[in-house]
Amino acid sequence: MIIPTSLLFAQQSEQRGRIKINGEIMEFLVDECGDTVLMAQLEDVSISSKRMFDNPEDLKTYRRYRRYAYHVYPYAAEAIKIFREVEFASDNMRNHQRKKYIRILQKDLKDEFEDPLRKLTKTQGRILFKMIERETETSMFELLKGLKGGASASYWGTLGRLYGHRLKDGYVRGEDSILDLVLDDIDISYEVEKRAIETDDGK
């Protein structure tokens, strides 16, 4: 293979380095003209085709679902983050340590999110549940049961039915095709940083 001389010259004349900006280390490149270009790793971007609907009412529902989904997105993303961290921590903690860890998280969540979540509409709450269930592939009932026990899950399941939520059903693709379209474009996944979690006794 023949490599153009201009390309070889450009590669040889480039200078790479690292610089600290606002406490974050970033790579930079200085080209042969002396121009400096910062290099960064961008997050994944979801690109979808324009949605087509059979009637104006479906389009209206799609726009409403989409608006609601982005409204509850911060809560769903935080819930998934906590779920993944508790899931990871469970493999490294004794039962009493796990319960204590969950109690601390519950208190923090209550202080931060109780008031905003109480203000959600019925549809916003349903979309929030479905976002979480879709990501975890687990019904809200089973999630609550795993975190707070069967009695608590049953209580919230009964309460949920009063507001039209069936917590045992979980997310079923095709049950609401318009909601499926909205959730396909939203990513709330979270990967736990594989680090050691300290326990009470330091082990």
C-alpha atoms as a PDB file:
ATOM      1  CA  MET A   1       0.000   0.000   0.000  1.00  0.00           C
ATOM      2  CA  ILE A   2       1.315   3.474  -0.919  1.00  0.00           C
ATOM      3  CA  ILE A   3       0.773   6.190   1.733  1.00  0.00           C
ATOM      4  CA  PRO A   4       0.646   9.772   0.376  1.00  0.00           C
ATOM      5  CA  THR A   5       3.587  11.911   1.462  1.00  0.00           C
ATOM      6  CA  SER A   6       1.217  14.694   2.616  1.00  0.00           C
ATOM      7  CA  LEU A   7      -0.492  12.290   5.023  1.00  0.00           C
ATOM      8  CA  LEU A   8       2.829  11.152   6.478  1.00  0.00           C
ATOM      9  CA  PHE A   9       3.909  14.756   6.971  1.00  0.00           C
ATOM     10  CA  ALA A  10       0.637  15.643   8.676  1.00  0.00           C
ATOM     11  CA  GLN A  11       0.927  12.687  11.056  1.00  0.00           C
ATOM     12  CA  GLN A  12       4.515  13.560  11.931  1.00  0.00           C
ATOM     13  CA  SER A  13       3.759  17.243  12.512  1.00  0.00           C
ATOM     14  CA  GLU A  14       0.769  16.673  14.808  1.00  0.00           C
ATOM     15  CA  GLN A  15       1.359  17.115  18.521  1.00  0.00           C
ATOM     16  CA  ARG A  16      -0.841  15.435  21.095  1.00  0.00           C
ATOM     17  CA  GLY A  17      -1.117  16.160  24.786  1.00  0.00           C
ATOM     18  CA  ARG A  18      -3.414  16.537  27.758  1.00  0.00           C
ATOM     19  CA  ILE A  19      -4.778  19.593  29.501  1.00  0.00           C
ATOM     20  CA  LYS A  20      -6.875  20.149  32.620  1.00  0.00           C
ATOM     21  CA  ILE A  21     -10.070  22.151  32.061  1.00  0.00           C
ATOM     22  CA  ASN A  22     -12.492  22.770  34.944  1.00  0.00           C
ATOM     23  CA  GLY A  23     -10.930  19.882  36.828  1.00  0.00           C
ATOM     24  CA  GLU A  24     -11.324  17.445  33.926  1.00  0.00           C
ATOM     25  CA  ILE A  25      -8.395  16.008  31.972  1.00  0.00           C
ATOM     26  CA  MET A  26      -8.920  16.319  28.214  1.00  0.00           C
ATOM     27  CA  GLU A  27      -6.765  15.341  25.260  1.00  0.00           C
ATOM     28  CA  PHE A  28      -5.834  17.896  22.630  1.00  0.00           C
ATOM     29  CA  LEU A  29      -4.239  17.867  19.213  1.00  0.00           C
ATOM     30  CA  VAL A  30      -2.110  20.620  17.637  1.00  0.00           C
ATOM     31  CA  ASP A  31      -2.024  20.373  13.842  1.00  0.00           C
ATOM     32  CA  GLU A  32       0.691  21.579  11.459  1.00  0.00           C
ATOM     33  CA  CYS A  33      -0.882  25.050  11.270  1.00  0.00           C
ATOM     34  CA  GLY A  34      -0.740  25.481  15.038  1.00  0.00           C
ATOM     35  CA  ASP A  35      -4.488  25.075  15.561  1.00  0.00           C
ATOM     36  CA  THR A  36      -5.460  23.309  18.801  1.00  0.00           C
ATOM     37  CA  VAL A  37      -8.388  20.895  18.773  1.00  0.00           C
ATOM     38  CA  LEU A  38      -9.847  19.425  21.946  1.00  0.00           C
ATOM     39  CA  MET A  39     -10.753  15.733  21.703  1.00  0.00           C
ATOM     40  CA  ALA A  40     -13.677  14.314  23.683  1.00  0.00           C
ATOM     41  CA  GLN A  41     -15.664  11.108  23.812  1.00  0.00           C
ATOM     42  CA  LEU A  42     -19.281  11.887  23.007  1.00  0.00           C
ATOM     43  CA  GLU A  43     -22.158   9.904  24.438  1.00  0.00           C
ATOM     44  CA  ASP A  44     -24.323   7.738  22.187  1.00  0.00           C
ATOM     45  CA  VAL A  45     -26.978   9.566  20.181  1.00  0.00           C
ATOM     46  CA  SER A  46     -30.285   7.986  19.230  1.00  0.00           C
ATOM     47  CA  ILE A  47     -31.515   8.809  15.731  1.00  0.00           C
ATOM     48  CA  SER A  48     -34.939   7.694  14.563  1.00  0.00           C
ATOM     49  CA  SER A  49     -37.014   8.290  11.480  1.00  0.00           C
ATOM     50  CA  LYS A  50     -39.917  10.719  11.460  1.00  0.00           C
ATOM     51  CA  ARG A  51     -42.953   9.197  13.148  1.00  0.00           C
ATOM     52  CA  MET A  52     -46.020   8.658  10.994  1.00  0.00           C
ATOM     53  CA  PHE A  53     -49.495   8.269  12.502  1.00  0.00           C
ATOM     54  CA  ASP A  54     -52.844   7.156  11.151  1.00  0.00           C
ATOM     55  CA  ASN A  55     -54.765  10.077  12.629  1.00  0.00           C
ATOM     56  CA  PRO A  56     -54.243  13.420  14.407  1.00  0.00           C
ATOM     57  CA  GLU A  57     -55.366  11.946  17.735  1.00  0.00           C
ATOM     58  CA  ASP A  58     -52.486   9.429  17.745  1.00  0.00           C
ATOM     59  CA  LEU A  59     -50.022  12.208  16.947  1.00  0.00           C
ATOM     60  CA  LYS A  60     -51.443  14.261  19.818  1.00  0.00           C
ATOM     61  CA  THR A  61     -51.066  11.280  22.168  1.00  0.00           C
ATOM     62  CA  TYR A  62     -47.480  10.706  21.004  1.00  0.00           C
ATOM     63  CA  ARG A  63     -46.526  14.320  21.671  1.00  0.00           C
ATOM     64  CA  ARG A  64     -48.169  14.228  25.098  1.00  0.00           C
ATOM     65  CA  TYR A  65     -46.427  10.955  26.034  1.00  0.00           C
ATOM     66  CA  ARG A  66     -43.116  12.314  24.815  1.00  0.00           C
ATOM     67  CA  ARG A  67     -43.502  15.508  26.831  1.00  0.00           C
ATOM     68  CA  TYR A  68     -44.411  13.523  29.944  1.00  0.00           C
ATOM     69  CA  ALA A  69     -41.566  11.045  29.410  1.00  0.00           C
ATOM     70  CA  TYR A  70     -38.960  13.798  29.380  1.00  0.00           C
ATOM     71  CA  HIS A  71     -40.585  15.333  32.453  1.00  0.00           C
ATOM     72  CA  VAL A  72     -40.168  12.114  34.482  1.00  0.00           C
ATOM     73  CA  TYR A  73     -36.849  11.150  32.879  1.00  0.00           C
ATOM     74  CA  PRO A  74     -34.667  12.436  35.792  1.00  0.00           C
ATOM     75  CA  TYR A  75     -36.632  10.332  38.281  1.00  0.00           C
ATOM     76  CA  ALA A  76     -36.490   7.223  36.109  1.00  0.00           C
ATOM     77  CA  ALA A  77     -32.757   7.630  35.482  1.00  0.00           C
ATOM     78  CA  GLU A  78     -32.068   8.066  39.201  1.00  0.00           C
ATOM     79  CA  ALA A  79     -34.243   5.051  40.054  1.00  0.00           C
ATOM     80  CA  ILE A  80     -32.332   2.864  37.602  1.00  0.00           C
ATOM     81  CA  LYS A  81     -29.018   4.110  38.962  1.00  0.00           C
ATOM     82  CA  ILE A  82     -30.038   3.229  42.513  1.00  0.00           C
ATOM     83  CA  PHE A  83     -31.468  -0.140  41.466  1.00  0.00           C
ATOM     84  CA  ARG A  84     -28.238  -1.108  39.710  1.00  0.00           C
ATOM     85  CA  GLU A  85     -26.115   0.004  42.660  1.00  0.00           C
ATOM     86  CA  VAL A  86     -28.260  -1.888  45.161  1.00  0.00           C
ATOM     87  CA  GLU A  87     -28.144  -4.922  42.880  1.00  0.00           C
ATOM     88  CA  PHE A  88     -24.351  -4.706  42.768  1.00  0.00           C
ATOM     89  CA  ALA A  89     -24.036  -4.029  46.488  1.00  0.00           C
ATOM     90  CA  SER A  90     -26.183  -7.056  47.325  1.00  0.00           C
ATOM     91  CA  ASP A  91     -23.451  -9.345  46.067  1.00  0.00           C
ATOM     92  CA  ASN A  92     -20.949  -7.849  48.495  1.00  0.00           C
ATOM     93  CA  MET A  93     -22.968  -7.203  51.651  1.00  0.00           C
ATOM     94  CA  ARG A  94     -24.454  -9.276  54.391  1.00  0.00           C
ATOM     95  CA  ASN A  95     -28.233  -9.171  54.758  1.00  0.00           C
ATOM     96  CA  HIS A  96     -28.297  -6.643  57.630  1.00  0.00           C
ATOM     97  CA  GLN A  97     -25.811  -4.415  55.791  1.00  0.00           C
ATOM     98  CA  ARG A  98     -27.978  -4.529  52.661  1.00  0.00           C
ATOM     99  CA  LYS A  99     -31.074  -3.503  54.647  1.00  0.00           C
ATOM    100  CA  LYS A 100     -29.200  -0.622  56.260  1.00  0.00           C
ATOM    101  CA  TYR A 101     -27.863   0.494  52.870  1.00  0.00           C
ATOM    102  CA  ILE A 102     -31.381   0.452  51.392  1.00  0.00           C
ATOM    103  CA  ARG A 103     -32.823   2.406  54.345  1.00  0.00           C
ATOM    104  CA  ILE A 104     -30.245   5.159  53.815  1.00  0.00           C
ATOM    105  CA  LEU A 105     -31.076   5.309  50.101  1.00  0.00           C
ATOM    106  CA  GLN A 106     -34.795   5.421  50.842  1.00  0.00           C
ATOM    107  CA  LYS A 107     -34.340   8.368  53.199  1.00  0.00           C
ATOM    108  CA  ASP A 108     -32.239  10.248  50.642  1.00  0.00           C
ATOM    109  CA  LEU A 109     -34.795   9.549  47.918  1.00  0.00           C
ATOM    110  CA  LYS A 110     -37.709  10.609  50.090  1.00  0.00           C
ATOM    111  CA  ASP A 111     -36.035  13.900  50.980  1.00  0.00           C
ATOM    112  CA  GLU A 112     -35.189  14.660  47.354  1.00  0.00           C
ATOM    113  CA  PHE A 113     -38.092  13.281  45.320  1.00  0.00           C
ATOM    114  CA  GLU A 114     -41.187  12.852  47.497  1.00  0.00           C
ATOM    115  CA  ASP A 115     -42.710  16.264  46.787  1.00  0.00           C
ATOM    116  CA  PRO A 116     -42.043  16.277  42.997  1.00  0.00           C
ATOM    117  CA  LEU A 117     -43.380  12.723  42.596  1.00  0.00           C
ATOM    118  CA  ARG A 118     -46.585  13.556  44.458  1.00  0.00           C
ATOM    119  CA  LYS A 119     -47.280  16.223  41.840  1.00  0.00           C
ATOM    120  CA  LEU A 120     -47.159  13.791  38.895  1.00  0.00           C
ATOM    121  CA  THR A 121     -50.378  13.128  37.019  1.00  0.00           C
ATOM    122  CA  LYS A 122     -51.757   9.605  36.656  1.00  0.00           C
ATOM    123  CA  THR A 123     -50.362   9.315  33.117  1.00  0.00           C
ATOM    124  CA  GLN A 124     -46.967  10.716  34.100  1.00  0.00           C
ATOM    125  CA  GLY A 125     -46.752   8.183  36.930  1.00  0.00           C
ATOM    126  CA  ARG A 126     -47.656   5.347  34.561  1.00  0.00           C
ATOM    127  CA  ILE A 127     -44.984   6.387  32.075  1.00  0.00           C
ATOM    128  CA  LEU A 128     -42.420   6.589  34.894  1.00  0.00           C
ATOM    129  CA  PHE A 129     -43.268   3.035  35.983  1.00  0.00           C
ATOM    130  CA  LYS A 130     -43.101   1.711  32.436  1.00  0.00           C
ATOM    131  CA  MET A 131     -39.721   3.337  31.805  1.00  0.00           C
ATOM    132  CA  ILE A 132     -38.291   1.613  34.889  1.00  0.00           C
ATOM    133  CA  GLU A 133     -39.963  -1.729  34.176  1.00  0.00           C
ATOM    134  CA  ARG A 134     -38.778  -1.704  30.585  1.00  0.00           C
ATOM    135  CA  GLU A 135     -35.150  -1.094  31.582  1.00  0.00           C
ATOM    136  CA  THR A 136     -35.093  -3.643  34.422  1.00  0.00           C
ATOM    137  CA  GLU A 137     -37.310  -6.198  32.642  1.00  0.00           C
ATOM    138  CA  THR A 138     -39.070  -6.576  35.995  1.00  0.00           C
ATOM    139  CA  SER A 139     -42.525  -5.505  37.177  1.00  0.00           C
ATOM    140  CA  MET A 140     -42.764  -2.672  39.674  1.00  0.00           C
ATOM    141  CA  PHE A 141     -44.317  -5.125  42.142  1.00  0.00           C
ATOM    142  CA  GLU A 142     -41.284  -7.425  41.996  1.00  0.00           C
ATOM    143  CA  LEU A 143     -38.894  -4.475  42.288  1.00  0.00           C
ATOM    144  CA  LEU A 144     -40.654  -3.264  45.426  1.00  0.00           C
ATOM    145  CA  LYS A 145     -40.768  -6.788  46.796  1.00  0.00           C
ATOM    146  CA  GLY A 146     -37.016  -7.180  46.333  1.00  0.00           C
ATOM    147  CA  LEU A 147     -36.238  -3.836  47.963  1.00  0.00           C
ATOM    148  CA  LYS A 148     -38.848  -3.548  50.699  1.00  0.00           C
ATOM    149  CA  GLY A 149     -40.375  -7.011  51.126  1.00  0.00           C
ATOM    150  CA  GLY A 150     -43.614  -8.708  50.131  1.00  0.00           C
ATOM    151  CA  ALA A 151     -45.886  -6.886  52.601  1.00  0.00           C
ATOM    152  CA  SER A 152     -44.785  -3.477  51.376  1.00  0.00           C
ATOM    153  CA  ALA A 153     -45.118  -4.539  47.734  1.00  0.00           C
ATOM    154  CA  SER A 154     -48.668  -5.772  48.373  1.00  0.00           C
ATOM    155  CA  TYR A 155     -49.579  -2.506  50.082  1.00  0.00           C
ATOM    156  CA  TRP A 156     -48.307  -0.417  47.172  1.00  0.00           C
ATOM    157  CA  GLY A 157     -49.888  -2.815  44.694  1.00  0.00           C
ATOM    158  CA  THR A 158     -53.290  -2.301  46.335  1.00  0.00           C
ATOM    159  CA  LEU A 159     -52.786   1.456  46.502  1.00  0.00           C
ATOM    160  CA  GLY A 160     -51.662   1.521  42.881  1.00  0.00           C
ATOM    161  CA  ARG A 161     -54.890  -0.105  41.718  1.00  0.00           C
ATOM    162  CA  LEU A 162     -56.843   2.804  43.196  1.00  0.00           C
ATOM    163  CA  TYR A 163     -54.995   5.042  40.706  1.00  0.00           C
ATOM    164  CA  GLY A 164     -55.322   2.620  37.810  1.00  0.00           C
ATOM    165  CA  HIS A 165     -51.821   1.109  38.050  1.00  0.00           C
ATOM    166  CA  ARG A 166     -51.425  -2.682  38.035  1.00  0.00           C
ATOM    167  CA  LEU A 167     -47.936  -3.061  39.476  1.00  0.00           C
ATOM    168  CA  LYS A 168     -47.799  -6.813  38.847  1.00  0.00           C
ATOM    169  CA  ASP A 169     -48.306  -6.497  35.084  1.00  0.00           C
ATOM    170  CA  GLY A 170     -44.923  -4.987  34.233  1.00  0.00           C
ATOM    171  CA  TYR A 171     -43.985  -3.547  30.854  1.00  0.00           C
ATOM    172  CA  VAL A 172     -45.539  -5.418  27.928  1.00  0.00           C
ATOM    173  CA  ARG A 173     -44.412  -4.295  24.498  1.00  0.00           C
ATOM    174  CA  GLY A 174     -47.369  -3.836  22.163  1.00  0.00           C
ATOM    175  CA  GLU A 175     -49.807  -3.058  24.957  1.00  0.00           C
ATOM    176  CA  ASP A 176     -49.495   0.651  24.135  1.00  0.00           C
ATOM    177  CA  SER A 177     -47.791   0.999  20.750  1.00  0.00           C
ATOM    178  CA  ILE A 178     -47.527   4.794  20.990  1.00  0.00           C
ATOM    179  CA  LEU A 179     -45.767   4.579  24.351  1.00  0.00           C
ATOM    180  CA  ASP A 180     -43.433   1.972  22.827  1.00  0.00           C
ATOM    181  CA  LEU A 181     -42.368   4.530  20.211  1.00  0.00           C
ATOM    182  CA  VAL A 182     -41.605   7.129  22.868  1.00  0.00           C
ATOM    183  CA  LEU A 183     -39.632   4.770  25.112  1.00  0.00           C
ATOM    184  CA  ASP A 184     -37.611   3.453  22.168  1.00  0.00           C
ATOM    185  CA  ASP A 185     -35.983   6.890  21.936  1.00  0.00           C
ATOM    186  CA  ILE A 186     -35.137   7.230  25.636  1.00  0.00           C
ATOM    187  CA  ASP A 187     -32.098   5.693  27.305  1.00  0.00           C
ATOM    188  CA  ILE A 188     -32.064   5.412  31.104  1.00  0.00           C
ATOM    189  CA  SER A 189     -29.535   2.594  31.307  1.00  0.00           C
ATOM    190  CA  TYR A 190     -26.835   2.772  33.951  1.00  0.00           C
ATOM    191  CA  GLU A 191     -23.702   0.708  34.476  1.00  0.00           C
ATOM    192  CA  VAL A 192     -22.277   0.487  37.960  1.00  0.00           C
ATOM    193  CA  GLU A 193     -18.643   1.440  38.334  1.00  0.00           C
ATOM    194  CA  LYS A 194     -16.916  -1.751  39.447  1.00  0.00           C
ATOM    195  CA  ARG A 195     -15.469  -0.515  42.681  1.00  0.00           C
ATOM    196  CA  ALA A 196     -15.244  -1.997  46.130  1.00  0.00           C
ATOM    197  CA  ILE A 197     -18.083  -1.020  48.472  1.00  0.00           C
ATOM    198  CA  GLU A 198     -16.985  -0.605  52.065  1.00  0.00           C
ATOM    199  CA  THR A 199     -18.962  -2.411  54.766  1.00  0.00           C
ATOM    200  CA  ASP A 200     -19.354  -1.482  58.426  1.00  0.00           C
ATOM    201  CA  ASP A 201     -16.499  -3.700  59.535  1.00  0.00           C
ATOM    202  CA  GLY A 202     -14.212  -2.540  56.699  1.00  0.00           C
ATOM    203  CA  LYS A 203     -14.238  -5.946  54.975  1.00  0.00           C
END
